[in-house]
Amino acid sequence: SRARLVVCNDTSISHIAAALKVPSVIVCLGSDPARWAPLDGDRHRLVLYPIACRPCSYRDCPLGHPCAEQLDPARVIEQASALLAGHIDTISTQKPCTACAY
């Protein structure tokens, strides 16, 4: 709850960030973002590589995981930077995390 930003994959921690109203960047691989993404698109940003086989139903990808391999890490950093810059007033009322180096 004291985090300034959460960067995670598209599983339970993204829902925890949404519930706590902590800004997040969610790396979406094979899941269905229309079904599972947080509703607040301003506070929670999805980063994904558009691919026709989403949502994936395979445990082992027969295509070699292009949803992950084609995803540009720079987009994650770009969205994280934008959230930190744009939501700084929203999150500045939270106490800083003393366990972190930031």
PDB file of N, CA and C in Angstrom:
ATOM      1  N   SER A   1       0.815  -1.214   0.000  1.00  0.00           N
ATOM      2  CA  SER A   1       0.000   0.000   0.000  1.00  0.00           C
ATOM      3  C   SER A   1       0.851   1.267   0.000  1.00  0.00           C
ATOM      4  N   ARG A   2       2.128   1.148   0.365  1.00  0.00           N
ATOM      5  CA  ARG A   2       2.997   2.327   0.400  1.00  0.00           C
ATOM      6  C   ARG A   2       3.862   2.451  -0.848  1.00  0.00           C
ATOM      7  N   ALA A   3       3.673   1.561  -1.797  1.00  0.00           N
ATOM      8  CA  ALA A   3       4.470   1.604  -3.028  1.00  0.00           C
ATOM      9  C   ALA A   3       4.064   2.804  -3.875  1.00  0.00           C
ATOM     10  N   ARG A   4       5.022   3.369  -4.570  1.00  0.00           N
ATOM     11  CA  ARG A   4       4.721   4.450  -5.514  1.00  0.00           C
ATOM     12  C   ARG A   4       4.269   3.880  -6.847  1.00  0.00           C
ATOM     13  N   LEU A   5       4.701   2.650  -7.158  1.00  0.00           N
ATOM     14  CA  LEU A   5       4.383   2.035  -8.437  1.00  0.00           C
ATOM     15  C   LEU A   5       4.619   0.533  -8.327  1.00  0.00           C
ATOM     16  N   VAL A   6       3.770  -0.240  -9.000  1.00  0.00           N
ATOM     17  CA  VAL A   6       3.951  -1.686  -9.094  1.00  0.00           C
ATOM     18  C   VAL A   6       4.139  -2.026 -10.569  1.00  0.00           C
ATOM     19  N   VAL A   7       5.171  -2.815 -10.872  1.00  0.00           N
ATOM     20  CA  VAL A   7       5.360  -3.364 -12.206  1.00  0.00           C
ATOM     21  C   VAL A   7       5.258  -4.871 -12.042  1.00  0.00           C
ATOM     22  N   CYS A   8       4.314  -5.472 -12.766  1.00  0.00           N
ATOM     23  CA  CYS A   8       4.046  -6.889 -12.554  1.00  0.00           C
ATOM     24  C   CYS A   8       3.513  -7.543 -13.816  1.00  0.00           C
ATOM     25  N   ASN A   9       3.326  -8.843 -13.736  1.00  0.00           N
ATOM     26  CA  ASN A   9       2.671  -9.536 -14.833  1.00  0.00           C
ATOM     27  C   ASN A   9       1.163  -9.521 -14.571  1.00  0.00           C
ATOM     28  N   ASP A  10       0.432 -10.160 -15.443  1.00  0.00           N
ATOM     29  CA  ASP A  10      -1.022 -10.076 -15.400  1.00  0.00           C
ATOM     30  C   ASP A  10      -1.656 -11.157 -14.512  1.00  0.00           C
ATOM     31  N   THR A  11      -1.262 -11.161 -13.256  1.00  0.00           N
ATOM     32  CA  THR A  11      -1.868 -12.095 -12.308  1.00  0.00           C
ATOM     33  C   THR A  11      -2.297 -11.337 -11.064  1.00  0.00           C
ATOM     34  N   SER A  12      -2.387 -12.025  -9.977  1.00  0.00           N
ATOM     35  CA  SER A  12      -3.029 -11.498  -8.769  1.00  0.00           C
ATOM     36  C   SER A  12      -2.455 -10.186  -8.250  1.00  0.00           C
ATOM     37  N   ILE A  13      -1.162  -9.961  -8.346  1.00  0.00           N
ATOM     38  CA  ILE A  13      -0.623  -8.719  -7.778  1.00  0.00           C
ATOM     39  C   ILE A  13      -1.165  -7.489  -8.504  1.00  0.00           C
ATOM     40  N   SER A  14      -1.501  -7.616  -9.770  1.00  0.00           N
ATOM     41  CA  SER A  14      -2.088  -6.463 -10.461  1.00  0.00           C
ATOM     42  C   SER A  14      -3.451  -6.115  -9.867  1.00  0.00           C
ATOM     43  N   HIS A  15      -4.183  -7.115  -9.415  1.00  0.00           N
ATOM     44  CA  HIS A  15      -5.476  -6.866  -8.784  1.00  0.00           C
ATOM     45  C   HIS A  15      -5.309  -6.262  -7.385  1.00  0.00           C
ATOM     46  N   ILE A  16      -4.248  -6.647  -6.706  1.00  0.00           N
ATOM     47  CA  ILE A  16      -3.955  -6.055  -5.399  1.00  0.00           C
ATOM     48  C   ILE A  16      -3.600  -4.582  -5.577  1.00  0.00           C
ATOM     49  N   ALA A  17      -2.781  -4.271  -6.569  1.00  0.00           N
ATOM     50  CA  ALA A  17      -2.439  -2.868  -6.853  1.00  0.00           C
ATOM     51  C   ALA A  17      -3.704  -2.072  -7.167  1.00  0.00           C
ATOM     52  N   ALA A  18      -4.593  -2.637  -7.957  1.00  0.00           N
ATOM     53  CA  ALA A  18      -5.839  -1.949  -8.292  1.00  0.00           C
ATOM     54  C   ALA A  18      -6.692  -1.719  -7.048  1.00  0.00           C
ATOM     55  N   ALA A  19      -6.795  -2.719  -6.195  1.00  0.00           N
ATOM     56  CA  ALA A  19      -7.605  -2.591  -4.984  1.00  0.00           C
ATOM     57  C   ALA A  19      -7.033  -1.532  -4.045  1.00  0.00           C
ATOM     58  N   LEU A  20      -5.709  -1.428  -3.988  1.00  0.00           N
ATOM     59  CA  LEU A  20      -5.058  -0.457  -3.111  1.00  0.00           C
ATOM     60  C   LEU A  20      -4.863   0.902  -3.784  1.00  0.00           C
ATOM     61  N   LYS A  21      -5.261   1.012  -5.051  1.00  0.00           N
ATOM     62  CA  LYS A  21      -5.121   2.240  -5.832  1.00  0.00           C
ATOM     63  C   LYS A  21      -3.669   2.684  -5.960  1.00  0.00           C
ATOM     64  N   VAL A  22      -2.779   1.704  -6.080  1.00  0.00           N
ATOM     65  CA  VAL A  22      -1.369   1.958  -6.323  1.00  0.00           C
ATOM     66  C   VAL A  22      -1.164   1.892  -7.838  1.00  0.00           C
ATOM     67  N   PRO A  23      -0.615   2.905  -8.468  1.00  0.00           N
ATOM     68  CA  PRO A  23      -0.393   2.868  -9.908  1.00  0.00           C
ATOM     69  C   PRO A  23       0.413   1.632 -10.307  1.00  0.00           C
ATOM     70  N   SER A  24       0.095   1.082 -11.481  1.00  0.00           N
ATOM     71  CA  SER A  24       0.805  -0.120 -11.900  1.00  0.00           C
ATOM     72  C   SER A  24       0.982  -0.170 -13.408  1.00  0.00           C
ATOM     73  N   VAL A  25       2.045  -0.861 -13.796  1.00  0.00           N
ATOM     74  CA  VAL A  25       2.276  -1.223 -15.184  1.00  0.00           C
ATOM     75  C   VAL A  25       2.176  -2.737 -15.212  1.00  0.00           C
ATOM     76  N   ILE A  26       1.261  -3.229 -16.043  1.00  0.00           N
ATOM     77  CA  ILE A  26       0.985  -4.653 -16.079  1.00  0.00           C
ATOM     78  C   ILE A  26       1.464  -5.209 -17.420  1.00  0.00           C
ATOM     79  N   VAL A  27       2.399  -6.130 -17.343  1.00  0.00           N
ATOM     80  CA  VAL A  27       2.910  -6.786 -18.535  1.00  0.00           C
ATOM     81  C   VAL A  27       1.971  -7.949 -18.841  1.00  0.00           C
ATOM     82  N   CYS A  28       1.277  -7.840 -19.937  1.00  0.00           N
ATOM     83  CA  CYS A  28       0.263  -8.820 -20.317  1.00  0.00           C
ATOM     84  C   CYS A  28       0.829  -9.737 -21.387  1.00  0.00           C
ATOM     85  N   LEU A  29       0.895 -11.011 -21.094  1.00  0.00           N
ATOM     86  CA  LEU A  29       1.434 -11.953 -22.072  1.00  0.00           C
ATOM     87  C   LEU A  29       0.288 -12.691 -22.759  1.00  0.00           C
ATOM     88  N   GLY A  30      -0.121 -13.832 -22.263  1.00  0.00           N
ATOM     89  CA  GLY A  30      -1.117 -14.632 -22.953  1.00  0.00           C
ATOM     90  C   GLY A  30      -2.550 -14.450 -22.490  1.00  0.00           C
ATOM     91  N   SER A  31      -2.761 -13.693 -21.441  1.00  0.00           N
ATOM     92  CA  SER A  31      -4.116 -13.570 -20.902  1.00  0.00           C
ATOM     93  C   SER A  31      -4.983 -12.632 -21.732  1.00  0.00           C
ATOM     94  N   ASP A  32      -6.245 -12.538 -21.368  1.00  0.00           N
ATOM     95  CA  ASP A  32      -7.214 -11.703 -22.067  1.00  0.00           C
ATOM     96  C   ASP A  32      -7.330 -10.358 -21.349  1.00  0.00           C
ATOM     97  N   PRO A  33      -6.688  -9.298 -21.869  1.00  0.00           N
ATOM     98  CA  PRO A  33      -6.714  -8.015 -21.164  1.00  0.00           C
ATOM     99  C   PRO A  33      -8.120  -7.414 -21.087  1.00  0.00           C
ATOM    100  N   ALA A  34      -8.972  -7.701 -22.043  1.00  0.00           N
ATOM    101  CA  ALA A  34     -10.340  -7.167 -21.980  1.00  0.00           C
ATOM    102  C   ALA A  34     -11.091  -7.736 -20.785  1.00  0.00           C
ATOM    103  N   ARG A  35     -10.731  -8.931 -20.381  1.00  0.00           N
ATOM    104  CA  ARG A  35     -11.404  -9.574 -19.241  1.00  0.00           C
ATOM    105  C   ARG A  35     -10.732  -9.267 -17.908  1.00  0.00           C
ATOM    106  N   TRP A  36      -9.405  -9.215 -17.874  1.00  0.00           N
ATOM    107  CA  TRP A  36      -8.688  -9.187 -16.603  1.00  0.00           C
ATOM    108  C   TRP A  36      -8.021  -7.863 -16.256  1.00  0.00           C
ATOM    109  N   ALA A  37      -7.953  -6.919 -17.147  1.00  0.00           N
ATOM    110  CA  ALA A  37      -7.270  -5.651 -16.852  1.00  0.00           C
ATOM    111  C   ALA A  37      -8.053  -4.836 -15.837  1.00  0.00           C
ATOM    112  N   PRO A  38      -7.361  -4.092 -14.966  1.00  0.00           N
ATOM    113  CA  PRO A  38      -8.058  -3.183 -14.054  1.00  0.00           C
ATOM    114  C   PRO A  38      -8.869  -2.158 -14.846  1.00  0.00           C
ATOM    115  N   LEU A  39      -9.974  -1.733 -14.291  1.00  0.00           N
ATOM    116  CA  LEU A  39     -10.874  -0.815 -14.984  1.00  0.00           C
ATOM    117  C   LEU A  39     -10.306   0.592 -15.120  1.00  0.00           C
ATOM    118  N   ASP A  40      -9.461   1.011 -14.203  1.00  0.00           N
ATOM    119  CA  ASP A  40      -8.891   2.355 -14.215  1.00  0.00           C
ATOM    120  C   ASP A  40      -7.653   2.392 -15.111  1.00  0.00           C
ATOM    121  N   GLY A  41      -7.854   2.678 -16.387  1.00  0.00           N
ATOM    122  CA  GLY A  41      -6.752   2.699 -17.345  1.00  0.00           C
ATOM    123  C   GLY A  41      -5.806   3.863 -17.180  1.00  0.00           C
ATOM    124  N   ASP A  42      -6.207   4.878 -16.423  1.00  0.00           N
ATOM    125  CA  ASP A  42      -5.301   5.996 -16.154  1.00  0.00           C
ATOM    126  C   ASP A  42      -4.258   5.612 -15.120  1.00  0.00           C
ATOM    127  N   ARG A  43      -4.680   4.906 -14.097  1.00  0.00           N
ATOM    128  CA  ARG A  43      -3.786   4.526 -13.004  1.00  0.00           C
ATOM    129  C   ARG A  43      -3.034   3.227 -13.294  1.00  0.00           C
ATOM    130  N   HIS A  44      -3.619   2.361 -14.123  1.00  0.00           N
ATOM    131  CA  HIS A  44      -3.041   1.042 -14.406  1.00  0.00           C
ATOM    132  C   HIS A  44      -2.868   0.895 -15.913  1.00  0.00           C
ATOM    133  N   ARG A  45      -1.628   0.744 -16.358  1.00  0.00           N
ATOM    134  CA  ARG A  45      -1.305   0.708 -17.780  1.00  0.00           C
ATOM    135  C   ARG A  45      -0.922  -0.707 -18.195  1.00  0.00           C
ATOM    136  N   LEU A  46      -1.523  -1.177 -19.268  1.00  0.00           N
ATOM    137  CA  LEU A  46      -1.158  -2.472 -19.843  1.00  0.00           C
ATOM    138  C   LEU A  46      -0.086  -2.283 -20.895  1.00  0.00           C
ATOM    139  N   VAL A  47       0.867  -3.180 -20.899  1.00  0.00           N
ATOM    140  CA  VAL A  47       1.860  -3.224 -21.963  1.00  0.00           C
ATOM    141  C   VAL A  47       1.789  -4.638 -22.522  1.00  0.00           C
ATOM    142  N   LEU A  48       1.529  -4.714 -23.831  1.00  0.00           N
ATOM    143  CA  LEU A  48       1.420  -6.022 -24.450  1.00  0.00           C
ATOM    144  C   LEU A  48       1.837  -5.958 -25.903  1.00  0.00           C
ATOM    145  N   TYR A  49       2.152  -7.108 -26.430  1.00  0.00           N
ATOM    146  CA  TYR A  49       2.428  -7.241 -27.855  1.00  0.00           C
ATOM    147  C   TYR A  49       1.159  -7.792 -28.483  1.00  0.00           C
ATOM    148  N   PRO A  50       0.548  -7.075 -29.423  1.00  0.00           N
ATOM    149  CA  PRO A  50      -0.700  -7.565 -30.013  1.00  0.00           C
ATOM    150  C   PRO A  50      -0.465  -8.843 -30.815  1.00  0.00           C
ATOM    151  N   ILE A  51      -1.230  -9.849 -30.506  1.00  0.00           N
ATOM    152  CA  ILE A  51      -1.069 -11.136 -31.170  1.00  0.00           C
ATOM    153  C   ILE A  51      -2.439 -11.800 -31.294  1.00  0.00           C
ATOM    154  N   ALA A  52      -2.675 -12.441 -32.409  1.00  0.00           N
ATOM    155  CA  ALA A  52      -3.997 -12.992 -32.711  1.00  0.00           C
ATOM    156  C   ALA A  52      -4.388 -14.176 -31.825  1.00  0.00           C
ATOM    157  N   CYS A  53      -3.440 -14.864 -31.237  1.00  0.00           N
ATOM    158  CA  CYS A  53      -3.776 -16.067 -30.463  1.00  0.00           C
ATOM    159  C   CYS A  53      -4.123 -15.778 -29.001  1.00  0.00           C
ATOM    160  N   ARG A  54      -4.252 -14.529 -28.631  1.00  0.00           N
ATOM    161  CA  ARG A  54      -4.636 -14.160 -27.271  1.00  0.00           C
ATOM    162  C   ARG A  54      -6.142 -14.260 -27.137  1.00  0.00           C
ATOM    163  N   PRO A  55      -6.717 -14.797 -26.089  1.00  0.00           N
ATOM    164  CA  PRO A  55      -6.052 -15.392 -24.930  1.00  0.00           C
ATOM    165  C   PRO A  55      -5.509 -16.793 -25.227  1.00  0.00           C
ATOM    166  N   CYS A  56      -4.390 -17.075 -24.662  1.00  0.00           N
ATOM    167  CA  CYS A  56      -3.697 -18.340 -24.893  1.00  0.00           C
ATOM    168  C   CYS A  56      -4.275 -19.423 -23.986  1.00  0.00           C
ATOM    169  N   SER A  57      -4.442 -20.585 -24.549  1.00  0.00           N
ATOM    170  CA  SER A  57      -4.953 -21.705 -23.752  1.00  0.00           C
ATOM    171  C   SER A  57      -3.912 -22.811 -23.589  1.00  0.00           C
ATOM    172  N   TYR A  58      -2.688 -22.540 -24.009  1.00  0.00           N
ATOM    173  CA  TYR A  58      -1.630 -23.545 -23.937  1.00  0.00           C
ATOM    174  C   TYR A  58      -0.747 -23.351 -22.711  1.00  0.00           C
ATOM    175  N   ARG A  59      -0.356 -24.463 -22.117  1.00  0.00           N
ATOM    176  CA  ARG A  59       0.643 -24.410 -21.041  1.00  0.00           C
ATOM    177  C   ARG A  59       2.020 -24.180 -21.652  1.00  0.00           C
ATOM    178  N   ASP A  60       2.317 -24.883 -22.747  1.00  0.00           N
ATOM    179  CA  ASP A  60       3.563 -24.725 -23.492  1.00  0.00           C
ATOM    180  C   ASP A  60       3.213 -24.161 -24.865  1.00  0.00           C
ATOM    181  N   CYS A  61       3.709 -22.986 -25.157  1.00  0.00           N
ATOM    182  CA  CYS A  61       3.360 -22.288 -26.384  1.00  0.00           C
ATOM    183  C   CYS A  61       3.893 -23.017 -27.619  1.00  0.00           C
ATOM    184  N   PRO A  62       3.018 -23.349 -28.582  1.00  0.00           N
ATOM    185  CA  PRO A  62       3.492 -23.999 -29.806  1.00  0.00           C
ATOM    186  C   PRO A  62       4.157 -23.025 -30.789  1.00  0.00           C
ATOM    187  N   LEU A  63       4.076 -21.717 -30.493  1.00  0.00           N
ATOM    188  CA  LEU A  63       4.649 -20.709 -31.382  1.00  0.00           C
ATOM    189  C   LEU A  63       5.978 -20.150 -30.891  1.00  0.00           C
ATOM    190  N   GLY A  64       6.389 -20.503 -29.680  1.00  0.00           N
ATOM    191  CA  GLY A  64       7.646 -20.000 -29.137  1.00  0.00           C
ATOM    192  C   GLY A  64       7.528 -18.709 -28.336  1.00  0.00           C
ATOM    193  N   HIS A  65       6.367 -18.411 -27.811  1.00  0.00           N
ATOM    194  CA  HIS A  65       6.116 -17.250 -26.942  1.00  0.00           C
ATOM    195  C   HIS A  65       6.377 -15.892 -27.595  1.00  0.00           C
ATOM    196  N   PRO A  66       5.849 -15.628 -28.788  1.00  0.00           N
ATOM    197  CA  PRO A  66       6.054 -14.311 -29.390  1.00  0.00           C
ATOM    198  C   PRO A  66       5.408 -13.189 -28.574  1.00  0.00           C
ATOM    199  N   CYS A  67       4.383 -13.497 -27.792  1.00  0.00           N
ATOM    200  CA  CYS A  67       3.759 -12.464 -26.960  1.00  0.00           C
ATOM    201  C   CYS A  67       4.749 -11.905 -25.941  1.00  0.00           C
ATOM    202  N   ALA A  68       5.690 -12.734 -25.512  1.00  0.00           N
ATOM    203  CA  ALA A  68       6.715 -12.292 -24.564  1.00  0.00           C
ATOM    204  C   ALA A  68       7.967 -11.796 -25.275  1.00  0.00           C
ATOM    205  N   GLU A  69       8.407 -12.531 -26.267  1.00  0.00           N
ATOM    206  CA  GLU A  69       9.664 -12.195 -26.921  1.00  0.00           C
ATOM    207  C   GLU A  69       9.597 -10.926 -27.761  1.00  0.00           C
ATOM    208  N   GLN A  70       8.427 -10.579 -28.263  1.00  0.00           N
ATOM    209  CA  GLN A  70       8.280  -9.387 -29.084  1.00  0.00           C
ATOM    210  C   GLN A  70       7.917  -8.143 -28.272  1.00  0.00           C
ATOM    211  N   LEU A  71       7.638  -8.313 -26.996  1.00  0.00           N
ATOM    212  CA  LEU A  71       7.277  -7.188 -26.138  1.00  0.00           C
ATOM    213  C   LEU A  71       8.507  -6.320 -25.898  1.00  0.00           C
ATOM    214  N   ASP A  72       8.363  -5.022 -26.064  1.00  0.00           N
ATOM    215  CA  ASP A  72       9.482  -4.094 -25.938  1.00  0.00           C
ATOM    216  C   ASP A  72       9.607  -3.604 -24.492  1.00  0.00           C
ATOM    217  N   PRO A  73      10.685  -3.967 -23.791  1.00  0.00           N
ATOM    218  CA  PRO A  73      10.868  -3.516 -22.418  1.00  0.00           C
ATOM    219  C   PRO A  73      10.868  -1.991 -22.276  1.00  0.00           C
ATOM    220  N   ALA A  74      11.265  -1.283 -23.317  1.00  0.00           N
ATOM    221  CA  ALA A  74      11.273   0.182 -23.262  1.00  0.00           C
ATOM    222  C   ALA A  74       9.860   0.732 -23.060  1.00  0.00           C
ATOM    223  N   ARG A  75       8.852   0.024 -23.549  1.00  0.00           N
ATOM    224  CA  ARG A  75       7.465   0.456 -23.346  1.00  0.00           C
ATOM    225  C   ARG A  75       7.068   0.346 -21.882  1.00  0.00           C
ATOM    226  N   VAL A  76       7.578  -0.654 -21.189  1.00  0.00           N
ATOM    227  CA  VAL A  76       7.305  -0.802 -19.755  1.00  0.00           C
ATOM    228  C   VAL A  76       7.907   0.375 -19.006  1.00  0.00           C
ATOM    229  N   ILE A  77       9.152   0.700 -19.313  1.00  0.00           N
ATOM    230  CA  ILE A  77       9.827   1.824 -18.660  1.00  0.00           C
ATOM    231  C   ILE A  77       9.125   3.136 -18.991  1.00  0.00           C
ATOM    232  N   GLU A  78       8.709   3.303 -20.227  1.00  0.00           N
ATOM    233  CA  GLU A  78       8.002   4.512 -20.651  1.00  0.00           C
ATOM    234  C   GLU A  78       6.701   4.700 -19.857  1.00  0.00           C
ATOM    235  N   GLN A  79       5.926   3.634 -19.722  1.00  0.00           N
ATOM    236  CA  GLN A  79       4.661   3.723 -18.984  1.00  0.00           C
ATOM    237  C   GLN A  79       4.909   3.948 -17.491  1.00  0.00           C
ATOM    238  N   ALA A  80       5.922   3.291 -16.942  1.00  0.00           N
ATOM    239  CA  ALA A  80       6.251   3.487 -15.530  1.00  0.00           C
ATOM    240  C   ALA A  80       6.657   4.936 -15.276  1.00  0.00           C
ATOM    241  N   SER A  81       7.485   5.488 -16.139  1.00  0.00           N
ATOM    242  CA  SER A  81       7.913   6.882 -15.992  1.00  0.00           C
ATOM    243  C   SER A  81       6.734   7.834 -16.092  1.00  0.00           C
ATOM    244  N   ALA A  82       5.837   7.566 -17.032  1.00  0.00           N
ATOM    245  CA  ALA A  82       4.658   8.421 -17.196  1.00  0.00           C
ATOM    246  C   ALA A  82       3.760   8.369 -15.965  1.00  0.00           C
ATOM    247  N   LEU A  83       3.576   7.194 -15.412  1.00  0.00           N
ATOM    248  CA  LEU A  83       2.745   7.083 -14.214  1.00  0.00           C
ATOM    249  C   LEU A  83       3.378   7.800 -13.029  1.00  0.00           C
ATOM    250  N   LEU A  84       4.678   7.623 -12.857  1.00  0.00           N
ATOM    251  CA  LEU A  84       5.343   8.293 -11.735  1.00  0.00           C
ATOM    252  C   LEU A  84       5.281   9.807 -11.882  1.00  0.00           C
ATOM    253  N   ALA A  85       5.408  10.293 -13.079  1.00  0.00           N
ATOM    254  CA  ALA A  85       5.340  11.739 -13.307  1.00  0.00           C
ATOM    255  C   ALA A  85       3.920  12.255 -13.183  1.00  0.00           C
ATOM    256  N   GLY A  86       2.963  11.503 -13.696  1.00  0.00           N
ATOM    257  CA  GLY A  86       1.584  11.980 -13.730  1.00  0.00           C
ATOM    258  C   GLY A  86       0.787  11.768 -12.472  1.00  0.00           C
ATOM    259  N   HIS A  87       1.198  10.835 -11.639  1.00  0.00           N
ATOM    260  CA  HIS A  87       0.419  10.522 -10.442  1.00  0.00           C
ATOM    261  C   HIS A  87       1.168  10.864  -9.163  1.00  0.00           C
ATOM    262  N   ILE A  88       2.199  11.647  -9.263  1.00  0.00           N
ATOM    263  CA  ILE A  88       3.007  11.944  -8.081  1.00  0.00           C
ATOM    264  C   ILE A  88       2.185  12.621  -6.990  1.00  0.00           C
ATOM    265  N   ASP A  89       1.253  13.516  -7.357  1.00  0.00           N
ATOM    266  CA  ASP A  89       0.420  14.173  -6.348  1.00  0.00           C
ATOM    267  C   ASP A  89      -0.538  13.193  -5.698  1.00  0.00           C
ATOM    268  N   THR A  90      -1.034  12.243  -6.454  1.00  0.00           N
ATOM    269  CA  THR A  90      -1.968  11.261  -5.925  1.00  0.00           C
ATOM    270  C   THR A  90      -1.309  10.377  -4.892  1.00  0.00           C
ATOM    271  N   ILE A  91      -0.054  10.020  -5.131  1.00  0.00           N
ATOM    272  CA  ILE A  91       0.580   9.059  -4.244  1.00  0.00           C
ATOM    273  C   ILE A  91       1.495   9.699  -3.204  1.00  0.00           C
ATOM    274  N   SER A  92       1.692  11.001  -3.244  1.00  0.00           N
ATOM    275  CA  SER A  92       2.620  11.630  -2.312  1.00  0.00           C
ATOM    276  C   SER A  92       2.085  11.628  -0.888  1.00  0.00           C
ATOM    277  N   THR A  93       0.794  11.378  -0.679  1.00  0.00           N
ATOM    278  CA  THR A  93       0.241  11.338   0.670  1.00  0.00           C
ATOM    279  C   THR A  93       0.538  10.014   1.360  1.00  0.00           C
ATOM    280  N   GLN A  94       1.005   9.028   0.610  1.00  0.00           N
ATOM    281  CA  GLN A  94       1.342   7.751   1.217  1.00  0.00           C
ATOM    282  C   GLN A  94       2.718   7.845   1.859  1.00  0.00           C
ATOM    283  N   LYS A  95       2.880   7.146   2.974  1.00  0.00           N
ATOM    284  CA  LYS A  95       4.182   7.130   3.649  1.00  0.00           C
ATOM    285  C   LYS A  95       5.173   6.353   2.792  1.00  0.00           C
ATOM    286  N   PRO A  96       6.424   6.843   2.688  1.00  0.00           N
ATOM    287  CA  PRO A  96       7.412   6.109   1.896  1.00  0.00           C
ATOM    288  C   PRO A  96       7.732   4.769   2.543  1.00  0.00           C
ATOM    289  N   CYS A  97       8.070   3.810   1.721  1.00  0.00           N
ATOM    290  CA  CYS A  97       8.427   2.491   2.202  1.00  0.00           C
ATOM    291  C   CYS A  97       9.835   2.525   2.773  1.00  0.00           C
ATOM    292  N   THR A  98       9.973   2.237   4.050  1.00  0.00           N
ATOM    293  CA  THR A  98      11.290   2.293   4.691  1.00  0.00           C
ATOM    294  C   THR A  98      12.124   1.054   4.386  1.00  0.00           C
ATOM    295  N   ALA A  99      11.501  -0.004   3.840  1.00  0.00           N
ATOM    296  CA  ALA A  99      12.245  -1.210   3.504  1.00  0.00           C
ATOM    297  C   ALA A  99      12.895  -1.105   2.135  1.00  0.00           C
ATOM    298  N   CYS A 100      12.514  -0.097   1.359  1.00  0.00           N
ATOM    299  CA  CYS A 100      13.031   0.037  -0.003  1.00  0.00           C
ATOM    300  C   CYS A 100      14.177   1.047  -0.048  1.00  0.00           C
ATOM    301  N   ALA A 101      14.959   0.973  -1.111  1.00  0.00           N
ATOM    302  CA  ALA A 101      16.048   1.920  -1.298  1.00  0.00           C
ATOM    303  C   ALA A 101      15.593   3.174  -1.998  1.00  0.00           C
ATOM    304  N   TYR A 102      14.312   3.287  -2.347  1.00  0.00           N
ATOM    305  CA  TYR A 102      13.797   4.419  -3.117  1.00  0.00           C
ATOM    306  C   TYR A 102      12.973   5.345  -2.272  1.00  0.00           C
TER     307      TYR A 102
END
